[in-house]
Amino acid sequence: IFDLRGDHAFLTSPPFAFFDFAVQQHRRDFPSGKLLVIAEPSMRSHPTVARLRSELGALVVTDMDQAGKQAWLADWVWLRSAKHLVLSPSTFVWWAAFLSEALRIYVPIFPGIAALPWCKLLPSGDPRYLFYDFWTNTTFTDGSVAKTHCQ
């Protein structure tokens, strides 16, 4: 979850608690929904992905691997077409979510410094977004309020 750069530790991925929160919210509203994980091949063995699979029944999507060097584009198109998204901090997934027509987008709020200027990217005034501060177990529907809790 942490990336060390010099003498600073940056959060690079939200903990399992964030994903568990989003999945439980989603399952409450959409009991028959599926949990699919899109991750680059090197991240598919990450402990959080393993827990998503074992504890929440997630399926890891590997179909786009067939696209070779264009797999990233297939992932991006797939993410943009999803109706519900749970984000990890990256500009790749941020753009896919921002440009999507998703009905609900779950976004983590970081209690510390993220590896990129994640807090500055939190959109305001878009009712599709639900922000979750996993450190304080608090949710926000307004990005401008969420930004005040983000580092």
N, C-alpha and C. Protein backbone atom coordinates (compact mmCIF):
# COMPACT_ATOMS: atom_id res chain seq x y z
N ILE A 1 0.82 -1.19 0.00
CA ILE A 1 0.00 0.00 0.00
C ILE A 1 0.86 1.25 0.00
N PHE A 2 2.08 1.18 0.55
CA PHE A 2 2.95 2.35 0.64
C PHE A 2 4.07 2.27 -0.40
N ASP A 3 4.45 3.44 -0.88
CA ASP A 3 5.57 3.58 -1.79
C ASP A 3 6.52 4.57 -1.13
N LEU A 4 7.75 4.16 -0.93
CA LEU A 4 8.73 5.05 -0.30
C LEU A 4 9.49 5.81 -1.37
N ARG A 5 9.50 7.12 -1.23
CA ARG A 5 10.24 7.99 -2.13
C ARG A 5 11.06 8.93 -1.28
N GLY A 6 12.34 8.68 -1.24
CA GLY A 6 13.19 9.45 -0.34
C GLY A 6 12.83 9.11 1.09
N ASP A 7 12.54 10.13 1.89
CA ASP A 7 12.15 9.87 3.28
C ASP A 7 10.65 10.07 3.48
N HIS A 8 9.86 10.02 2.39
CA HIS A 8 8.40 10.14 2.47
C HIS A 8 7.74 8.83 2.07
N ALA A 9 6.70 8.46 2.81
CA ALA A 9 5.88 7.29 2.46
C ALA A 9 4.58 7.79 1.85
N PHE A 10 4.26 7.32 0.67
CA PHE A 10 3.04 7.71 -0.02
C PHE A 10 2.08 6.53 -0.08
N LEU A 11 0.81 6.80 0.14
CA LEU A 11 -0.18 5.77 -0.06
C LEU A 11 -0.40 5.61 -1.55
N THR A 12 -0.32 4.39 -2.05
CA THR A 12 -0.51 4.15 -3.47
C THR A 12 -1.79 3.39 -3.77
N SER A 13 -2.36 2.79 -2.76
CA SER A 13 -3.58 2.02 -2.94
C SER A 13 -4.39 2.07 -1.65
N PRO A 14 -5.69 2.20 -1.76
CA PRO A 14 -6.50 2.17 -0.54
C PRO A 14 -6.49 0.77 0.08
N PRO A 15 -6.73 0.66 1.35
CA PRO A 15 -6.75 -0.65 1.99
C PRO A 15 -8.02 -1.42 1.61
N PHE A 16 -8.04 -2.68 1.97
CA PHE A 16 -9.17 -3.54 1.69
C PHE A 16 -10.47 -2.94 2.23
N ALA A 17 -10.41 -2.25 3.36
CA ALA A 17 -11.61 -1.66 3.98
C ALA A 17 -12.36 -0.76 3.01
N PHE A 18 -11.65 0.00 2.18
CA PHE A 18 -12.32 0.86 1.20
C PHE A 18 -13.10 0.03 0.19
N PHE A 19 -12.47 -0.99 -0.34
CA PHE A 19 -13.13 -1.82 -1.34
C PHE A 19 -14.31 -2.58 -0.72
N ASP A 20 -14.12 -3.05 0.51
CA ASP A 20 -15.20 -3.75 1.20
C ASP A 20 -16.39 -2.82 1.38
N PHE A 21 -16.15 -1.58 1.78
CA PHE A 21 -17.23 -0.59 1.93
C PHE A 21 -17.98 -0.42 0.61
N ALA A 22 -17.25 -0.20 -0.47
CA ALA A 22 -17.88 0.03 -1.77
C ALA A 22 -18.69 -1.18 -2.21
N VAL A 23 -18.13 -2.36 -2.02
CA VAL A 23 -18.83 -3.59 -2.43
C VAL A 23 -20.10 -3.78 -1.60
N GLN A 24 -20.01 -3.54 -0.30
CA GLN A 24 -21.21 -3.71 0.55
C GLN A 24 -22.29 -2.70 0.16
N GLN A 25 -21.91 -1.46 -0.14
CA GLN A 25 -22.87 -0.46 -0.60
C GLN A 25 -23.52 -0.91 -1.90
N HIS A 26 -22.69 -1.38 -2.81
CA HIS A 26 -23.18 -1.80 -4.11
C HIS A 26 -24.11 -3.00 -3.98
N ARG A 27 -23.73 -3.97 -3.18
CA ARG A 27 -24.56 -5.17 -3.02
C ARG A 27 -25.88 -4.85 -2.32
N ARG A 28 -25.89 -3.85 -1.48
CA ARG A 28 -27.14 -3.43 -0.85
C ARG A 28 -28.11 -2.90 -1.90
N ASP A 29 -27.59 -2.12 -2.84
CA ASP A 29 -28.43 -1.50 -3.88
C ASP A 29 -28.66 -2.41 -5.08
N PHE A 30 -27.70 -3.29 -5.36
CA PHE A 30 -27.76 -4.17 -6.53
C PHE A 30 -27.36 -5.58 -6.12
N PRO A 31 -28.24 -6.32 -5.46
CA PRO A 31 -27.87 -7.63 -4.92
C PRO A 31 -27.39 -8.64 -5.95
N SER A 32 -27.82 -8.51 -7.18
CA SER A 32 -27.40 -9.48 -8.20
C SER A 32 -26.19 -9.01 -9.00
N GLY A 33 -25.60 -7.88 -8.62
CA GLY A 33 -24.45 -7.35 -9.34
C GLY A 33 -23.21 -8.22 -9.20
N LYS A 34 -22.33 -8.12 -10.17
CA LYS A 34 -21.07 -8.86 -10.16
C LYS A 34 -19.93 -7.92 -9.78
N LEU A 35 -18.94 -8.51 -9.14
CA LEU A 35 -17.75 -7.75 -8.77
C LEU A 35 -16.61 -8.19 -9.68
N LEU A 36 -16.22 -7.28 -10.57
CA LEU A 36 -15.14 -7.56 -11.51
C LEU A 36 -13.98 -6.63 -11.22
N VAL A 37 -12.77 -7.16 -11.29
CA VAL A 37 -11.56 -6.38 -11.03
C VAL A 37 -10.78 -6.25 -12.33
N ILE A 38 -10.48 -5.01 -12.68
CA ILE A 38 -9.60 -4.72 -13.82
C ILE A 38 -8.27 -4.28 -13.22
N ALA A 39 -7.23 -5.01 -13.51
CA ALA A 39 -5.90 -4.67 -12.99
C ALA A 39 -4.85 -5.13 -13.98
N GLU A 40 -3.79 -4.36 -14.07
CA GLU A 40 -2.70 -4.80 -14.94
C GLU A 40 -2.15 -6.12 -14.39
N PRO A 41 -1.62 -6.96 -15.27
CA PRO A 41 -1.18 -8.30 -14.85
C PRO A 41 -0.28 -8.32 -13.62
N SER A 42 0.61 -7.36 -13.48
CA SER A 42 1.52 -7.37 -12.34
C SER A 42 0.81 -7.11 -11.01
N MET A 43 -0.37 -6.51 -11.05
CA MET A 43 -1.11 -6.20 -9.83
C MET A 43 -2.11 -7.29 -9.44
N ARG A 44 -2.31 -8.27 -10.28
CA ARG A 44 -3.32 -9.30 -10.01
C ARG A 44 -2.96 -10.19 -8.84
N SER A 45 -1.70 -10.22 -8.45
CA SER A 45 -1.29 -11.02 -7.30
C SER A 45 -1.19 -10.16 -6.03
N HIS A 46 -1.55 -8.90 -6.10
CA HIS A 46 -1.52 -8.00 -4.94
C HIS A 46 -2.42 -8.57 -3.84
N PRO A 47 -2.01 -8.47 -2.58
CA PRO A 47 -2.82 -9.01 -1.48
C PRO A 47 -4.26 -8.49 -1.43
N THR A 48 -4.46 -7.23 -1.80
CA THR A 48 -5.83 -6.70 -1.80
C THR A 48 -6.67 -7.38 -2.86
N VAL A 49 -6.11 -7.61 -4.03
CA VAL A 49 -6.84 -8.31 -5.09
C VAL A 49 -7.15 -9.74 -4.65
N ALA A 50 -6.19 -10.38 -3.99
CA ALA A 50 -6.42 -11.74 -3.49
C ALA A 50 -7.57 -11.75 -2.49
N ARG A 51 -7.63 -10.76 -1.61
CA ARG A 51 -8.73 -10.69 -0.64
C ARG A 51 -10.06 -10.39 -1.32
N LEU A 52 -10.05 -9.55 -2.33
CA LEU A 52 -11.28 -9.28 -3.08
C LEU A 52 -11.82 -10.57 -3.68
N ARG A 53 -10.92 -11.39 -4.19
CA ARG A 53 -11.33 -12.66 -4.77
C ARG A 53 -11.83 -13.63 -3.70
N SER A 54 -11.05 -13.81 -2.65
CA SER A 54 -11.39 -14.85 -1.66
C SER A 54 -12.52 -14.44 -0.73
N GLU A 55 -12.57 -13.19 -0.31
CA GLU A 55 -13.56 -12.78 0.68
C GLU A 55 -14.83 -12.19 0.08
N LEU A 56 -14.72 -11.59 -1.11
CA LEU A 56 -15.88 -10.94 -1.69
C LEU A 56 -16.33 -11.57 -3.02
N GLY A 57 -15.63 -12.61 -3.44
CA GLY A 57 -16.03 -13.33 -4.65
C GLY A 57 -15.78 -12.59 -5.95
N ALA A 58 -14.80 -11.69 -5.95
CA ALA A 58 -14.49 -10.92 -7.15
C ALA A 58 -13.90 -11.82 -8.24
N LEU A 59 -14.18 -11.45 -9.46
CA LEU A 59 -13.59 -12.11 -10.63
C LEU A 59 -12.59 -11.14 -11.25
N VAL A 60 -11.40 -11.61 -11.51
CA VAL A 60 -10.39 -10.77 -12.14
C VAL A 60 -10.52 -10.93 -13.65
N VAL A 61 -10.73 -9.82 -14.33
CA VAL A 61 -10.92 -9.83 -15.79
C VAL A 61 -9.56 -9.92 -16.47
N THR A 62 -9.39 -10.94 -17.29
CA THR A 62 -8.14 -11.12 -18.03
C THR A 62 -8.38 -11.14 -19.54
N ASP A 63 -9.62 -10.97 -19.96
CA ASP A 63 -9.96 -11.04 -21.38
C ASP A 63 -9.17 -10.06 -22.24
N MET A 64 -8.84 -8.91 -21.68
CA MET A 64 -8.17 -7.88 -22.47
C MET A 64 -6.70 -8.21 -22.72
N ASP A 65 -6.16 -9.21 -22.02
CA ASP A 65 -4.77 -9.60 -22.22
C ASP A 65 -4.51 -10.00 -23.67
N GLN A 66 -5.54 -10.49 -24.34
CA GLN A 66 -5.42 -10.92 -25.74
C GLN A 66 -5.10 -9.75 -26.67
N ALA A 67 -5.36 -8.55 -26.21
CA ALA A 67 -5.13 -7.37 -27.05
C ALA A 67 -3.66 -6.97 -27.12
N GLY A 68 -2.80 -7.67 -26.38
CA GLY A 68 -1.36 -7.37 -26.42
C GLY A 68 -1.06 -5.97 -25.94
N LYS A 69 -0.32 -5.21 -26.75
CA LYS A 69 0.08 -3.86 -26.36
C LYS A 69 -1.10 -2.89 -26.28
N GLN A 70 -2.24 -3.28 -26.84
CA GLN A 70 -3.42 -2.43 -26.78
C GLN A 70 -4.34 -2.78 -25.62
N ALA A 71 -3.90 -3.68 -24.72
CA ALA A 71 -4.73 -4.11 -23.60
C ALA A 71 -5.16 -2.92 -22.73
N TRP A 72 -4.28 -1.95 -22.56
CA TRP A 72 -4.62 -0.78 -21.76
C TRP A 72 -5.84 -0.07 -22.32
N LEU A 73 -5.92 0.02 -23.65
CA LEU A 73 -7.04 0.71 -24.29
C LEU A 73 -8.33 -0.08 -24.09
N ALA A 74 -8.25 -1.40 -24.21
CA ALA A 74 -9.42 -2.23 -23.96
C ALA A 74 -9.89 -2.09 -22.52
N ASP A 75 -8.96 -2.04 -21.57
CA ASP A 75 -9.31 -1.83 -20.16
C ASP A 75 -10.01 -0.49 -19.98
N TRP A 76 -9.47 0.53 -20.62
CA TRP A 76 -10.02 1.88 -20.47
C TRP A 76 -11.43 1.96 -21.03
N VAL A 77 -11.64 1.37 -22.20
CA VAL A 77 -12.98 1.37 -22.81
C VAL A 77 -13.95 0.60 -21.92
N TRP A 78 -13.50 -0.53 -21.38
CA TRP A 78 -14.36 -1.32 -20.50
C TRP A 78 -14.72 -0.52 -19.26
N LEU A 79 -13.75 0.14 -18.65
CA LEU A 79 -14.01 0.95 -17.46
C LEU A 79 -15.01 2.07 -17.77
N ARG A 80 -14.83 2.71 -18.90
CA ARG A 80 -15.74 3.80 -19.28
C ARG A 80 -17.16 3.32 -19.47
N SER A 81 -17.34 2.06 -19.85
CA SER A 81 -18.68 1.54 -20.11
C SER A 81 -19.35 0.97 -18.85
N ALA A 82 -18.61 0.82 -17.76
CA ALA A 82 -19.17 0.26 -16.53
C ALA A 82 -20.20 1.20 -15.93
N LYS A 83 -21.22 0.65 -15.33
CA LYS A 83 -22.26 1.45 -14.69
C LYS A 83 -21.92 1.81 -13.25
N HIS A 84 -21.01 1.05 -12.64
CA HIS A 84 -20.58 1.30 -11.26
C HIS A 84 -19.07 1.08 -11.20
N LEU A 85 -18.36 2.03 -10.62
CA LEU A 85 -16.90 1.96 -10.57
C LEU A 85 -16.39 2.18 -9.15
N VAL A 86 -15.37 1.44 -8.79
CA VAL A 86 -14.66 1.62 -7.54
C VAL A 86 -13.22 1.94 -7.92
N LEU A 87 -12.75 3.11 -7.54
CA LEU A 87 -11.46 3.59 -8.02
C LEU A 87 -10.31 3.36 -7.04
N SER A 88 -9.16 3.10 -7.61
CA SER A 88 -7.88 3.24 -6.92
C SER A 88 -7.26 4.49 -7.51
N PRO A 89 -6.39 5.15 -6.78
CA PRO A 89 -5.86 6.41 -7.29
C PRO A 89 -4.91 6.23 -8.47
N SER A 90 -5.37 6.64 -9.60
CA SER A 90 -4.53 6.72 -10.80
C SER A 90 -5.22 7.66 -11.77
N THR A 91 -4.44 8.35 -12.56
CA THR A 91 -5.06 9.24 -13.55
C THR A 91 -5.73 8.41 -14.64
N PHE A 92 -5.26 7.20 -14.89
CA PHE A 92 -5.87 6.31 -15.88
C PHE A 92 -7.33 6.04 -15.52
N VAL A 93 -7.57 5.57 -14.31
CA VAL A 93 -8.94 5.23 -13.91
C VAL A 93 -9.74 6.50 -13.62
N TRP A 94 -9.09 7.56 -13.17
CA TRP A 94 -9.80 8.81 -12.92
C TRP A 94 -10.43 9.32 -14.22
N TRP A 95 -9.64 9.35 -15.30
CA TRP A 95 -10.18 9.81 -16.58
C TRP A 95 -11.29 8.90 -17.08
N ALA A 96 -11.11 7.60 -16.94
CA ALA A 96 -12.15 6.66 -17.38
C ALA A 96 -13.44 6.92 -16.62
N ALA A 97 -13.36 7.14 -15.32
CA ALA A 97 -14.55 7.40 -14.52
C ALA A 97 -15.16 8.76 -14.86
N PHE A 98 -14.32 9.77 -14.95
CA PHE A 98 -14.80 11.13 -15.22
C PHE A 98 -15.54 11.20 -16.56
N LEU A 99 -15.05 10.49 -17.55
CA LEU A 99 -15.66 10.53 -18.88
C LEU A 99 -16.74 9.47 -19.07
N SER A 100 -16.96 8.67 -18.07
CA SER A 100 -17.94 7.59 -18.18
C SER A 100 -19.36 8.11 -17.96
N GLU A 101 -20.30 7.21 -18.16
CA GLU A 101 -21.70 7.50 -17.82
C GLU A 101 -22.12 6.62 -16.65
N ALA A 102 -21.16 6.29 -15.79
CA ALA A 102 -21.43 5.44 -14.63
C ALA A 102 -22.49 6.08 -13.75
N LEU A 103 -23.29 5.25 -13.13
CA LEU A 103 -24.33 5.72 -12.22
C LEU A 103 -23.76 6.02 -10.83
N ARG A 104 -22.74 5.26 -10.42
CA ARG A 104 -22.12 5.45 -9.11
C ARG A 104 -20.61 5.23 -9.24
N ILE A 105 -19.85 6.12 -8.63
CA ILE A 105 -18.39 6.04 -8.64
C ILE A 105 -17.92 6.19 -7.20
N TYR A 106 -17.29 5.15 -6.68
CA TYR A 106 -16.77 5.15 -5.31
C TYR A 106 -15.30 5.60 -5.34
N VAL A 107 -14.99 6.59 -4.51
CA VAL A 107 -13.66 7.20 -4.53
C VAL A 107 -13.06 7.20 -3.12
N PRO A 108 -11.81 6.73 -2.97
CA PRO A 108 -11.18 6.75 -1.65
C PRO A 108 -10.64 8.14 -1.29
N ILE A 109 -10.78 8.46 -0.02
CA ILE A 109 -10.18 9.68 0.53
C ILE A 109 -8.98 9.22 1.36
N PHE A 110 -7.82 9.78 1.08
CA PHE A 110 -6.59 9.36 1.75
C PHE A 110 -6.30 10.23 2.97
N PRO A 111 -5.97 9.58 4.09
CA PRO A 111 -5.64 10.33 5.30
C PRO A 111 -4.23 10.91 5.27
N GLY A 112 -3.41 10.42 4.39
CA GLY A 112 -2.03 10.89 4.27
C GLY A 112 -1.75 11.35 2.85
N ILE A 113 -0.53 11.44 2.54
CA ILE A 113 -0.12 11.90 1.21
C ILE A 113 -0.23 10.76 0.22
N ALA A 114 -0.94 10.99 -0.85
CA ALA A 114 -1.07 9.99 -1.91
C ALA A 114 0.09 10.16 -2.89
N ALA A 115 0.30 9.14 -3.71
CA ALA A 115 1.43 9.14 -4.64
C ALA A 115 1.26 10.14 -5.77
N LEU A 116 0.08 10.66 -5.95
CA LEU A 116 -0.16 11.69 -6.96
C LEU A 116 -1.11 12.70 -6.33
N PRO A 117 -1.33 13.84 -6.96
CA PRO A 117 -2.20 14.86 -6.35
C PRO A 117 -3.67 14.46 -6.39
N TRP A 118 -3.99 13.33 -5.77
CA TRP A 118 -5.32 12.72 -5.81
C TRP A 118 -6.39 13.69 -5.30
N CYS A 119 -6.11 14.36 -4.21
CA CYS A 119 -7.12 15.24 -3.59
C CYS A 119 -7.53 16.37 -4.53
N LYS A 120 -6.61 16.86 -5.31
CA LYS A 120 -6.92 17.93 -6.26
C LYS A 120 -7.81 17.44 -7.40
N LEU A 121 -7.84 16.13 -7.62
CA LEU A 121 -8.62 15.56 -8.72
C LEU A 121 -10.06 15.22 -8.33
N LEU A 122 -10.41 15.37 -7.06
CA LEU A 122 -11.76 15.00 -6.63
C LEU A 122 -12.78 15.97 -7.24
N PRO A 123 -13.70 15.45 -8.04
CA PRO A 123 -14.68 16.33 -8.69
C PRO A 123 -15.75 16.81 -7.71
N SER A 124 -16.23 18.00 -7.93
CA SER A 124 -17.30 18.57 -7.11
C SER A 124 -18.56 18.70 -7.96
N GLY A 125 -19.71 18.61 -7.30
CA GLY A 125 -20.97 18.86 -7.98
C GLY A 125 -21.44 17.74 -8.90
N ASP A 126 -20.91 16.55 -8.76
CA ASP A 126 -21.33 15.43 -9.59
C ASP A 126 -21.95 14.37 -8.67
N PRO A 127 -23.26 14.18 -8.75
CA PRO A 127 -23.95 13.28 -7.82
C PRO A 127 -23.61 11.80 -7.99
N ARG A 128 -22.88 11.45 -9.03
CA ARG A 128 -22.49 10.05 -9.23
C ARG A 128 -21.44 9.59 -8.24
N TYR A 129 -20.71 10.52 -7.66
CA TYR A 129 -19.57 10.20 -6.81
C TYR A 129 -19.97 10.01 -5.35
N LEU A 130 -19.40 8.97 -4.74
CA LEU A 130 -19.49 8.76 -3.30
C LEU A 130 -18.06 8.62 -2.79
N PHE A 131 -17.65 9.55 -1.95
CA PHE A 131 -16.29 9.58 -1.42
C PHE A 131 -16.28 8.91 -0.05
N TYR A 132 -15.28 8.07 0.18
CA TYR A 132 -15.21 7.34 1.44
C TYR A 132 -13.84 7.53 2.08
N ASP A 133 -13.86 8.07 3.30
CA ASP A 133 -12.65 8.22 4.10
C ASP A 133 -12.53 6.96 4.95
N PHE A 134 -11.68 6.05 4.52
CA PHE A 134 -11.56 4.77 5.21
C PHE A 134 -10.89 4.90 6.57
N TRP A 135 -10.21 6.01 6.81
CA TRP A 135 -9.53 6.22 8.09
C TRP A 135 -10.53 6.56 9.19
N THR A 136 -11.55 7.36 8.83
CA THR A 136 -12.56 7.79 9.82
C THR A 136 -13.91 7.13 9.59
N ASN A 137 -14.02 6.28 8.57
CA ASN A 137 -15.28 5.61 8.22
C ASN A 137 -16.39 6.63 7.96
N THR A 138 -16.06 7.63 7.14
CA THR A 138 -16.98 8.72 6.83
C THR A 138 -17.19 8.79 5.32
N THR A 139 -18.43 9.04 4.92
CA THR A 139 -18.73 9.20 3.50
C THR A 139 -19.13 10.64 3.21
N PHE A 140 -18.88 11.03 1.96
CA PHE A 140 -19.23 12.36 1.49
C PHE A 140 -19.81 12.23 0.09
N THR A 141 -20.81 13.03 -0.19
CA THR A 141 -21.36 13.06 -1.54
C THR A 141 -20.93 14.30 -2.31
N ASP A 142 -20.32 15.23 -1.61
CA ASP A 142 -19.86 16.47 -2.23
C ASP A 142 -18.33 16.47 -2.28
N GLY A 143 -17.78 16.56 -3.48
CA GLY A 143 -16.34 16.53 -3.65
C GLY A 143 -15.63 17.67 -2.96
N SER A 144 -16.26 18.84 -2.87
CA SER A 144 -15.60 19.97 -2.21
C SER A 144 -15.46 19.71 -0.71
N VAL A 145 -16.43 19.02 -0.09
CA VAL A 145 -16.32 18.65 1.31
C VAL A 145 -15.28 17.54 1.46
N ALA A 146 -15.30 16.59 0.55
CA ALA A 146 -14.33 15.47 0.60
C ALA A 146 -12.91 16.01 0.51
N LYS A 147 -12.70 17.03 -0.30
CA LYS A 147 -11.35 17.61 -0.44
C LYS A 147 -10.82 18.14 0.88
N THR A 148 -11.70 18.65 1.74
CA THR A 148 -11.24 19.19 3.03
C THR A 148 -10.77 18.08 3.97
N HIS A 149 -11.14 16.84 3.69
CA HIS A 149 -10.72 15.70 4.51
C HIS A 149 -9.57 14.92 3.87
N CYS A 150 -9.19 15.32 2.70
CA CYS A 150 -8.15 14.66 1.95
C CYS A 150 -6.84 15.43 2.12
N GLN A 151 -5.72 14.73 2.18
CA GLN A 151 -4.43 15.38 2.36
C GLN A 151 -3.80 15.71 1.03
